[in-house]
Amino acid sequence: MTSLRLTADGLSALRGVARRNALAGEAMRRLEPLYGPVVWAPRFNALEELIFTVLTQHTSDTNAEVAYNSLRKSFPTWMDVIEAGPAEIADAIRHGGLADQKAPRIREMLRIILERTGRLELEFLATMPLEEARSWLISLPGVGKKTTGIVLNFALGMPAMPVDTHIYRVARRLGLIGLKDNVDAAHDIMEVQIPPDEIFRYHILLITHGRQICKAQRPLCGECLMADLCAAKSVFMRAFDAPKYRRPVRAGQTL
């Protein structure tokens, strides 16, 4: 007979998962009134989202937007990009940084998509199971879990969790992931912490919190609505001079 007893390590792991899932739900409950309401709406189609996301790598969204607009102005169709030389593409996206690396990658992505599907669009991914769609995208050069999550979630409304540097930082500090979990692991861990139809909202609330409050160098713990649940708060409060570090809590906020 197969034993149904859990080992001590297994039971501890299950408790850890349950605690993190509860914490994820609490984070959404507290942060929604501050940063919400969050409503999903695509900003680009899937292929446009893919190219834009490549342009955001190692630069700001503002710089990427300038580069993307320049690319579309220089090459009105994606076939024009495929037929252009890498140097021409690089000149068009120069404002986004790392243009000489991104240009051939973008061109090769488009070429592979056209070769595999016979067309330059990615909406067919929405008809696939999530893992199959993710694997298809990750097979493209230079595409990882974050880029895949953004394309599938932002453009197609699929329940993929993108984890960028802001979300990874917030997640480690709050204990939504372990301190030893890398970014790739964080995607998988956080994706199952909440219901699939709430993943976009989860992403937006955490990334906004990371940009506005839980900053990299000087997090504003005195303003943080999650401070009482944050394992990292005491570390930062000891590291900085508290009177200078804390900001007054805004009216109506509850810590």
C-alpha atoms as a PDB file:
ATOM      1  CA  MET A   1       0.000   0.000   0.000  1.00  0.00           C
ATOM      2  CA  THR A   2       1.303   3.477  -0.921  1.00  0.00           C
ATOM      3  CA  SER A   3       1.872   5.644   2.111  1.00  0.00           C
ATOM      4  CA  LEU A   4      -0.021   8.946   2.169  1.00  0.00           C
ATOM      5  CA  ARG A   5       2.083  10.407   4.957  1.00  0.00           C
ATOM      6  CA  LEU A   6       4.031  13.524   4.167  1.00  0.00           C
ATOM      7  CA  THR A   7       7.614  13.941   5.188  1.00  0.00           C
ATOM      8  CA  ALA A   8       8.469  16.857   7.443  1.00  0.00           C
ATOM      9  CA  ASP A   9      10.141  18.629   4.504  1.00  0.00           C
ATOM     10  CA  GLY A  10       7.124  18.019   2.287  1.00  0.00           C
ATOM     11  CA  LEU A  11       4.712  19.354   4.868  1.00  0.00           C
ATOM     12  CA  SER A  12       6.891  22.398   5.439  1.00  0.00           C
ATOM     13  CA  ALA A  13       6.980  23.059   1.683  1.00  0.00           C
ATOM     14  CA  LEU A  14       3.181  22.871   1.447  1.00  0.00           C
ATOM     15  CA  ARG A  15       2.829  25.279   4.329  1.00  0.00           C
ATOM     16  CA  GLY A  16       5.275  27.626   2.633  1.00  0.00           C
ATOM     17  CA  VAL A  17       3.267  27.557  -0.597  1.00  0.00           C
ATOM     18  CA  ALA A  18       0.031  28.215   1.289  1.00  0.00           C
ATOM     19  CA  ARG A  19       1.617  31.129   3.158  1.00  0.00           C
ATOM     20  CA  ARG A  20       2.934  32.698  -0.042  1.00  0.00           C
ATOM     21  CA  ASN A  21      -0.397  32.282  -1.809  1.00  0.00           C
ATOM     22  CA  ALA A  22      -2.160  33.974   1.112  1.00  0.00           C
ATOM     23  CA  LEU A  23       0.424  36.764   1.063  1.00  0.00           C
ATOM     24  CA  ALA A  24      -0.102  37.264  -2.677  1.00  0.00           C
ATOM     25  CA  GLY A  25      -3.829  37.652  -2.143  1.00  0.00           C
ATOM     26  CA  GLU A  26      -3.271  40.086   0.710  1.00  0.00           C
ATOM     27  CA  ALA A  27      -0.868  42.149  -1.405  1.00  0.00           C
ATOM     28  CA  MET A  28      -3.492  42.495  -4.113  1.00  0.00           C
ATOM     29  CA  ARG A  29      -6.177  43.410  -1.581  1.00  0.00           C
ATOM     30  CA  ARG A  30      -4.039  46.179  -0.063  1.00  0.00           C
ATOM     31  CA  LEU A  31      -2.453  47.549  -3.234  1.00  0.00           C
ATOM     32  CA  GLU A  32      -5.539  47.664  -5.460  1.00  0.00           C
ATOM     33  CA  PRO A  33      -7.065  50.737  -3.736  1.00  0.00           C
ATOM     34  CA  LEU A  34      -3.735  52.553  -4.075  1.00  0.00           C
ATOM     35  CA  TYR A  35      -2.823  51.712  -7.682  1.00  0.00           C
ATOM     36  CA  GLY A  36      -6.055  50.409  -9.188  1.00  0.00           C
ATOM     37  CA  PRO A  37      -8.420  49.762 -10.641  1.00  0.00           C
ATOM     38  CA  VAL A  38      -6.427  47.614 -13.044  1.00  0.00           C
ATOM     39  CA  VAL A  39      -8.199  46.704 -16.277  1.00  0.00           C
ATOM     40  CA  TRP A  40      -6.609  44.579 -18.986  1.00  0.00           C
ATOM     41  CA  ALA A  41      -6.481  46.061 -22.474  1.00  0.00           C
ATOM     42  CA  PRO A  42      -3.906  45.235 -25.192  1.00  0.00           C
ATOM     43  CA  ARG A  43      -1.564  48.080 -26.120  1.00  0.00           C
ATOM     44  CA  PHE A  44      -0.192  46.238 -29.195  1.00  0.00           C
ATOM     45  CA  ASN A  45      -0.938  43.101 -31.127  1.00  0.00           C
ATOM     46  CA  ALA A  46       1.255  40.133 -30.186  1.00  0.00           C
ATOM     47  CA  LEU A  47       4.004  40.663 -32.765  1.00  0.00           C
ATOM     48  CA  GLU A  48       4.226  44.369 -32.031  1.00  0.00           C
ATOM     49  CA  GLU A  49       4.416  43.575 -28.322  1.00  0.00           C
ATOM     50  CA  LEU A  50       7.260  41.158 -28.949  1.00  0.00           C
ATOM     51  CA  ILE A  51       9.332  43.701 -30.883  1.00  0.00           C
ATOM     52  CA  PHE A  52       8.604  46.465 -28.382  1.00  0.00           C
ATOM     53  CA  THR A  53       9.611  44.224 -25.479  1.00  0.00           C
ATOM     54  CA  VAL A  54      12.930  43.426 -27.155  1.00  0.00           C
ATOM     55  CA  LEU A  55      13.530  47.158 -27.459  1.00  0.00           C
ATOM     56  CA  THR A  56      12.849  47.669 -23.733  1.00  0.00           C
ATOM     57  CA  GLN A  57      15.705  45.367 -22.738  1.00  0.00           C
ATOM     58  CA  HIS A  58      18.369  47.296 -20.772  1.00  0.00           C
ATOM     59  CA  THR A  59      16.631  50.635 -21.256  1.00  0.00           C
ATOM     60  CA  SER A  60      13.554  52.545 -20.132  1.00  0.00           C
ATOM     61  CA  ASP A  61      10.102  52.186 -21.643  1.00  0.00           C
ATOM     62  CA  THR A  62      10.361  55.818 -22.754  1.00  0.00           C
ATOM     63  CA  ASN A  63      13.536  55.170 -24.755  1.00  0.00           C
ATOM     64  CA  ALA A  64      12.055  51.961 -26.141  1.00  0.00           C
ATOM     65  CA  GLU A  65       8.963  53.823 -27.293  1.00  0.00           C
ATOM     66  CA  VAL A  66      11.066  56.362 -29.185  1.00  0.00           C
ATOM     67  CA  ALA A  67      13.046  53.516 -30.792  1.00  0.00           C
ATOM     68  CA  TYR A  68       9.893  51.595 -31.691  1.00  0.00           C
ATOM     69  CA  ASN A  69       8.229  54.616 -33.305  1.00  0.00           C
ATOM     70  CA  SER A  70      11.404  55.302 -35.246  1.00  0.00           C
ATOM     71  CA  LEU A  71      11.528  51.696 -36.427  1.00  0.00           C
ATOM     72  CA  ARG A  72       7.933  51.779 -37.672  1.00  0.00           C
ATOM     73  CA  LYS A  73       8.494  55.102 -39.389  1.00  0.00           C
ATOM     74  CA  SER A  74      11.629  53.853 -41.137  1.00  0.00           C
ATOM     75  CA  PHE A  75      10.105  50.465 -42.033  1.00  0.00           C
ATOM     76  CA  PRO A  76       6.311  50.655 -42.461  1.00  0.00           C
ATOM     77  CA  THR A  77       5.915  46.861 -42.680  1.00  0.00           C
ATOM     78  CA  TRP A  78       7.627  43.979 -40.900  1.00  0.00           C
ATOM     79  CA  MET A  79       8.651  42.597 -44.269  1.00  0.00           C
ATOM     80  CA  ASP A  80      10.556  45.841 -44.807  1.00  0.00           C
ATOM     81  CA  VAL A  81      12.507  45.059 -41.622  1.00  0.00           C
ATOM     82  CA  ILE A  82      13.337  41.549 -42.837  1.00  0.00           C
ATOM     83  CA  GLU A  83      14.572  42.926 -46.146  1.00  0.00           C
ATOM     84  CA  ALA A  84      16.656  45.673 -44.542  1.00  0.00           C
ATOM     85  CA  GLY A  85      20.255  45.305 -43.445  1.00  0.00           C
ATOM     86  CA  PRO A  86      21.068  45.079 -39.726  1.00  0.00           C
ATOM     87  CA  ALA A  87      22.919  48.410 -39.888  1.00  0.00           C
ATOM     88  CA  GLU A  88      19.818  50.169 -41.245  1.00  0.00           C
ATOM     89  CA  ILE A  89      17.655  48.665 -38.513  1.00  0.00           C
ATOM     90  CA  ALA A  90      20.222  49.594 -35.869  1.00  0.00           C
ATOM     91  CA  ASP A  91      20.207  53.204 -37.022  1.00  0.00           C
ATOM     92  CA  ALA A  92      16.429  53.313 -36.674  1.00  0.00           C
ATOM     93  CA  ILE A  93      16.417  51.963 -33.094  1.00  0.00           C
ATOM     94  CA  ARG A  94      19.581  53.680 -31.861  1.00  0.00           C
ATOM     95  CA  HIS A  95      17.714  55.666 -29.192  1.00  0.00           C
ATOM     96  CA  GLY A  96      16.792  52.459 -27.371  1.00  0.00           C
ATOM     97  CA  GLY A  97      20.375  51.405 -26.680  1.00  0.00           C
ATOM     98  CA  LEU A  98      22.265  48.237 -27.665  1.00  0.00           C
ATOM     99  CA  ALA A  99      21.031  48.821 -31.199  1.00  0.00           C
ATOM    100  CA  ASP A 100      23.769  46.747 -32.845  1.00  0.00           C
ATOM    101  CA  GLN A 101      22.735  43.736 -30.756  1.00  0.00           C
ATOM    102  CA  LYS A 102      18.964  44.216 -30.954  1.00  0.00           C
ATOM    103  CA  ALA A 103      18.778  44.911 -34.695  1.00  0.00           C
ATOM    104  CA  PRO A 104      19.916  41.496 -35.988  1.00  0.00           C
ATOM    105  CA  ARG A 105      17.897  39.767 -33.243  1.00  0.00           C
ATOM    106  CA  ILE A 106      14.692  41.526 -34.299  1.00  0.00           C
ATOM    107  CA  ARG A 107      15.329  40.762 -37.957  1.00  0.00           C
ATOM    108  CA  GLU A 108      16.022  37.086 -37.223  1.00  0.00           C
ATOM    109  CA  MET A 109      12.904  36.785 -35.061  1.00  0.00           C
ATOM    110  CA  LEU A 110      10.756  38.111 -37.868  1.00  0.00           C
ATOM    111  CA  ARG A 111      12.437  35.847 -40.410  1.00  0.00           C
ATOM    112  CA  ILE A 112      11.861  32.751 -38.272  1.00  0.00           C
ATOM    113  CA  ILE A 113       8.222  33.644 -37.601  1.00  0.00           C
ATOM    114  CA  LEU A 114       7.606  34.097 -41.335  1.00  0.00           C
ATOM    115  CA  GLU A 115       9.433  30.866 -42.143  1.00  0.00           C
ATOM    116  CA  ARG A 116       7.498  28.831 -39.573  1.00  0.00           C
ATOM    117  CA  THR A 117       4.020  30.240 -40.097  1.00  0.00           C
ATOM    118  CA  GLY A 118       3.987  31.836 -43.534  1.00  0.00           C
ATOM    119  CA  ARG A 119       2.795  35.126 -42.070  1.00  0.00           C
ATOM    120  CA  LEU A 120       3.966  37.906 -39.798  1.00  0.00           C
ATOM    121  CA  GLU A 121       1.600  37.708 -36.836  1.00  0.00           C
ATOM    122  CA  LEU A 122       1.379  35.794 -33.569  1.00  0.00           C
ATOM    123  CA  GLU A 123      -2.311  35.798 -32.679  1.00  0.00           C
ATOM    124  CA  PHE A 124      -2.437  32.038 -33.339  1.00  0.00           C
ATOM    125  CA  LEU A 125      -0.632  31.562 -30.012  1.00  0.00           C
ATOM    126  CA  ALA A 126      -3.880  32.372 -28.209  1.00  0.00           C
ATOM    127  CA  THR A 127      -5.362  29.102 -29.505  1.00  0.00           C
ATOM    128  CA  MET A 128      -2.601  27.029 -27.886  1.00  0.00           C
ATOM    129  CA  PRO A 129      -2.341  25.755 -24.310  1.00  0.00           C
ATOM    130  CA  LEU A 130      -0.253  28.166 -22.238  1.00  0.00           C
ATOM    131  CA  GLU A 131       2.838  25.965 -21.981  1.00  0.00           C
ATOM    132  CA  GLU A 132       2.818  25.224 -25.716  1.00  0.00           C
ATOM    133  CA  ALA A 133       2.538  28.914 -26.575  1.00  0.00           C
ATOM    134  CA  ARG A 134       5.308  29.730 -24.107  1.00  0.00           C
ATOM    135  CA  SER A 135       7.612  27.088 -25.590  1.00  0.00           C
ATOM    136  CA  TRP A 136       6.949  28.393 -29.100  1.00  0.00           C
ATOM    137  CA  LEU A 137       7.982  31.908 -28.158  1.00  0.00           C
ATOM    138  CA  ILE A 138      10.988  30.874 -26.072  1.00  0.00           C
ATOM    139  CA  SER A 139      12.357  29.019 -29.101  1.00  0.00           C
ATOM    140  CA  LEU A 140      12.893  32.395 -30.783  1.00  0.00           C
ATOM    141  CA  PRO A 141      16.376  33.925 -30.414  1.00  0.00           C
ATOM    142  CA  GLY A 142      16.799  36.133 -27.349  1.00  0.00           C
ATOM    143  CA  VAL A 143      13.325  35.431 -25.939  1.00  0.00           C
ATOM    144  CA  GLY A 144      13.104  34.418 -22.288  1.00  0.00           C
ATOM    145  CA  LYS A 145      10.364  33.983 -19.733  1.00  0.00           C
ATOM    146  CA  LYS A 146       9.843  37.689 -19.080  1.00  0.00           C
ATOM    147  CA  THR A 147       9.419  38.560 -22.753  1.00  0.00           C
ATOM    148  CA  THR A 148       7.174  35.549 -23.245  1.00  0.00           C
ATOM    149  CA  GLY A 149       5.051  36.486 -20.254  1.00  0.00           C
ATOM    150  CA  ILE A 150       4.607  40.044 -21.499  1.00  0.00           C
ATOM    151  CA  VAL A 151       3.582  38.996 -25.005  1.00  0.00           C
ATOM    152  CA  LEU A 152       1.176  36.284 -23.882  1.00  0.00           C
ATOM    153  CA  ASN A 153      -0.355  38.308 -21.057  1.00  0.00           C
ATOM    154  CA  PHE A 154      -0.311  41.880 -22.338  1.00  0.00           C
ATOM    155  CA  ALA A 155      -1.257  41.188 -25.966  1.00  0.00           C
ATOM    156  CA  LEU A 156      -3.271  37.973 -25.761  1.00  0.00           C
ATOM    157  CA  GLY A 157      -4.683  37.970 -22.241  1.00  0.00           C
ATOM    158  CA  MET A 158      -3.191  34.570 -21.422  1.00  0.00           C
ATOM    159  CA  PRO A 159      -2.344  33.732 -17.769  1.00  0.00           C
ATOM    160  CA  ALA A 160       1.448  34.071 -18.017  1.00  0.00           C
ATOM    161  CA  MET A 161       3.200  36.001 -15.232  1.00  0.00           C
ATOM    162  CA  PRO A 162       5.942  38.399 -16.379  1.00  0.00           C
ATOM    163  CA  VAL A 163       8.561  39.079 -13.702  1.00  0.00           C
ATOM    164  CA  ASP A 164      10.838  42.064 -14.253  1.00  0.00           C
ATOM    165  CA  THR A 165      13.456  43.547 -11.931  1.00  0.00           C
ATOM    166  CA  HIS A 166      10.878  45.574  -9.961  1.00  0.00           C
ATOM    167  CA  ILE A 167       8.604  42.597  -9.330  1.00  0.00           C
ATOM    168  CA  TYR A 168      11.526  40.327  -8.510  1.00  0.00           C
ATOM    169  CA  ARG A 169      12.780  42.827  -5.940  1.00  0.00           C
ATOM    170  CA  VAL A 170       9.353  43.246  -4.310  1.00  0.00           C
ATOM    171  CA  ALA A 171       8.726  39.496  -4.310  1.00  0.00           C
ATOM    172  CA  ARG A 172      12.015  38.700  -2.564  1.00  0.00           C
ATOM    173  CA  ARG A 173      11.537  41.401   0.053  1.00  0.00           C
ATOM    174  CA  LEU A 174       7.959  40.415   0.864  1.00  0.00           C
ATOM    175  CA  GLY A 175       8.695  36.697   0.836  1.00  0.00           C
ATOM    176  CA  LEU A 176       6.536  35.857  -2.190  1.00  0.00           C
ATOM    177  CA  ILE A 177       9.572  33.902  -3.385  1.00  0.00           C
ATOM    178  CA  GLY A 178      12.627  32.597  -1.579  1.00  0.00           C
ATOM    179  CA  LEU A 179      15.841  34.569  -1.340  1.00  0.00           C
ATOM    180  CA  LYS A 180      17.611  31.859  -3.340  1.00  0.00           C
ATOM    181  CA  ASP A 181      14.996  31.690  -6.113  1.00  0.00           C
ATOM    182  CA  ASN A 182      16.289  33.172  -9.368  1.00  0.00           C
ATOM    183  CA  VAL A 183      14.220  35.195 -11.822  1.00  0.00           C
ATOM    184  CA  ASP A 184      13.334  32.189 -13.983  1.00  0.00           C
ATOM    185  CA  ALA A 185      12.057  30.320 -10.934  1.00  0.00           C
ATOM    186  CA  ALA A 186      10.108  33.394  -9.820  1.00  0.00           C
ATOM    187  CA  HIS A 187       7.974  33.292 -12.982  1.00  0.00           C
ATOM    188  CA  ASP A 188       6.834  29.748 -12.232  1.00  0.00           C
ATOM    189  CA  ILE A 189       6.347  30.299  -8.490  1.00  0.00           C
ATOM    190  CA  MET A 190       4.353  33.514  -8.797  1.00  0.00           C
ATOM    191  CA  GLU A 191       2.234  32.363 -11.716  1.00  0.00           C
ATOM    192  CA  VAL A 192       0.399  29.841  -9.531  1.00  0.00           C
ATOM    193  CA  GLN A 193      -0.041  32.070  -6.473  1.00  0.00           C
ATOM    194  CA  ILE A 194      -3.291  33.600  -7.704  1.00  0.00           C
ATOM    195  CA  PRO A 195      -6.177  32.678 -10.032  1.00  0.00           C
ATOM    196  CA  PRO A 196      -5.247  32.806 -13.755  1.00  0.00           C
ATOM    197  CA  ASP A 197      -7.639  35.651 -14.524  1.00  0.00           C
ATOM    198  CA  GLU A 198      -5.926  37.881 -11.944  1.00  0.00           C
ATOM    199  CA  ILE A 199      -2.335  37.554 -13.166  1.00  0.00           C
ATOM    200  CA  PHE A 200      -2.349  40.799 -15.178  1.00  0.00           C
ATOM    201  CA  ARG A 201      -3.635  42.687 -12.132  1.00  0.00           C
ATOM    202  CA  TYR A 202      -1.049  41.000  -9.911  1.00  0.00           C
ATOM    203  CA  HIS A 203       1.738  42.036 -12.293  1.00  0.00           C
ATOM    204  CA  ILE A 204       0.612  45.658 -12.561  1.00  0.00           C
ATOM    205  CA  LEU A 205       0.101  46.142  -8.818  1.00  0.00           C
ATOM    206  CA  LEU A 206       3.514  44.710  -7.920  1.00  0.00           C
ATOM    207  CA  ILE A 207       5.451  46.501 -10.654  1.00  0.00           C
ATOM    208  CA  THR A 208       3.836  49.820  -9.722  1.00  0.00           C
ATOM    209  CA  HIS A 209       4.638  49.236  -6.057  1.00  0.00           C
ATOM    210  CA  GLY A 210       8.242  48.479  -6.972  1.00  0.00           C
ATOM    211  CA  ARG A 211       8.557  51.672  -8.989  1.00  0.00           C
ATOM    212  CA  GLN A 212       6.847  54.000  -6.529  1.00  0.00           C
ATOM    213  CA  ILE A 213       7.469  52.624  -3.020  1.00  0.00           C
ATOM    214  CA  CYS A 214       9.643  49.501  -2.838  1.00  0.00           C
ATOM    215  CA  LYS A 215      12.530  51.109  -4.696  1.00  0.00           C
ATOM    216  CA  ALA A 216      15.904  49.483  -5.199  1.00  0.00           C
ATOM    217  CA  GLN A 217      18.152  51.826  -3.211  1.00  0.00           C
ATOM    218  CA  ARG A 218      15.914  53.609  -0.720  1.00  0.00           C
ATOM    219  CA  PRO A 219      12.559  51.857  -0.347  1.00  0.00           C
ATOM    220  CA  LEU A 220       9.919  54.014   1.294  1.00  0.00           C
ATOM    221  CA  CYS A 221       9.054  51.601   4.094  1.00  0.00           C
ATOM    222  CA  GLY A 222       7.326  54.371   6.028  1.00  0.00           C
ATOM    223  CA  GLU A 223       4.732  54.637   3.250  1.00  0.00           C
ATOM    224  CA  CYS A 224       4.418  50.951   2.431  1.00  0.00           C
ATOM    225  CA  LEU A 225       1.024  49.319   2.920  1.00  0.00           C
ATOM    226  CA  MET A 226       2.756  45.941   3.137  1.00  0.00           C
ATOM    227  CA  ALA A 227       5.336  47.007   5.731  1.00  0.00           C
ATOM    228  CA  ASP A 228       3.858  44.996   8.594  1.00  0.00           C
ATOM    229  CA  LEU A 229       4.193  41.807   6.527  1.00  0.00           C
ATOM    230  CA  CYS A 230       7.601  42.580   5.015  1.00  0.00           C
ATOM    231  CA  ALA A 231      10.603  40.599   6.232  1.00  0.00           C
ATOM    232  CA  ALA A 232      12.988  43.157   4.721  1.00  0.00           C
ATOM    233  CA  LYS A 233      11.579  46.244   6.448  1.00  0.00           C
ATOM    234  CA  SER A 234      13.643  45.873   9.619  1.00  0.00           C
ATOM    235  CA  VAL A 235      16.834  45.542   7.566  1.00  0.00           C
ATOM    236  CA  PHE A 236      16.206  48.821   5.763  1.00  0.00           C
ATOM    237  CA  MET A 237      15.059  50.648   8.874  1.00  0.00           C
ATOM    238  CA  ARG A 238      18.333  49.742  10.568  1.00  0.00           C
ATOM    239  CA  ALA A 239      20.379  50.675   7.516  1.00  0.00           C
ATOM    240  CA  PHE A 240      19.102  54.250   7.245  1.00  0.00           C
ATOM    241  CA  ASP A 241      18.590  57.027   9.725  1.00  0.00           C
ATOM    242  CA  ALA A 242      14.909  56.573  10.537  1.00  0.00           C
ATOM    243  CA  PRO A 243      13.880  60.278  10.894  1.00  0.00           C
ATOM    244  CA  LYS A 244      15.305  61.088   7.456  1.00  0.00           C
ATOM    245  CA  TYR A 245      14.250  57.811   5.896  1.00  0.00           C
ATOM    246  CA  ARG A 246      10.575  57.776   6.795  1.00  0.00           C
ATOM    247  CA  ARG A 247       8.093  59.950   5.018  1.00  0.00           C
ATOM    248  CA  PRO A 248       4.771  60.978   6.555  1.00  0.00           C
ATOM    249  CA  VAL A 249       1.929  58.572   5.844  1.00  0.00           C
ATOM    250  CA  ARG A 250      -0.592  60.111   3.477  1.00  0.00           C
ATOM    251  CA  ALA A 251      -4.068  60.842   4.787  1.00  0.00           C
ATOM    252  CA  GLY A 252      -6.323  57.844   4.640  1.00  0.00           C
ATOM    253  CA  GLN A 253      -3.516  55.276   4.522  1.00  0.00           C
ATOM    254  CA  THR A 254      -3.427  52.425   6.980  1.00  0.00           C
ATOM    255  CA  LEU A 255      -0.190  50.651   7.769  1.00  0.00           C
END
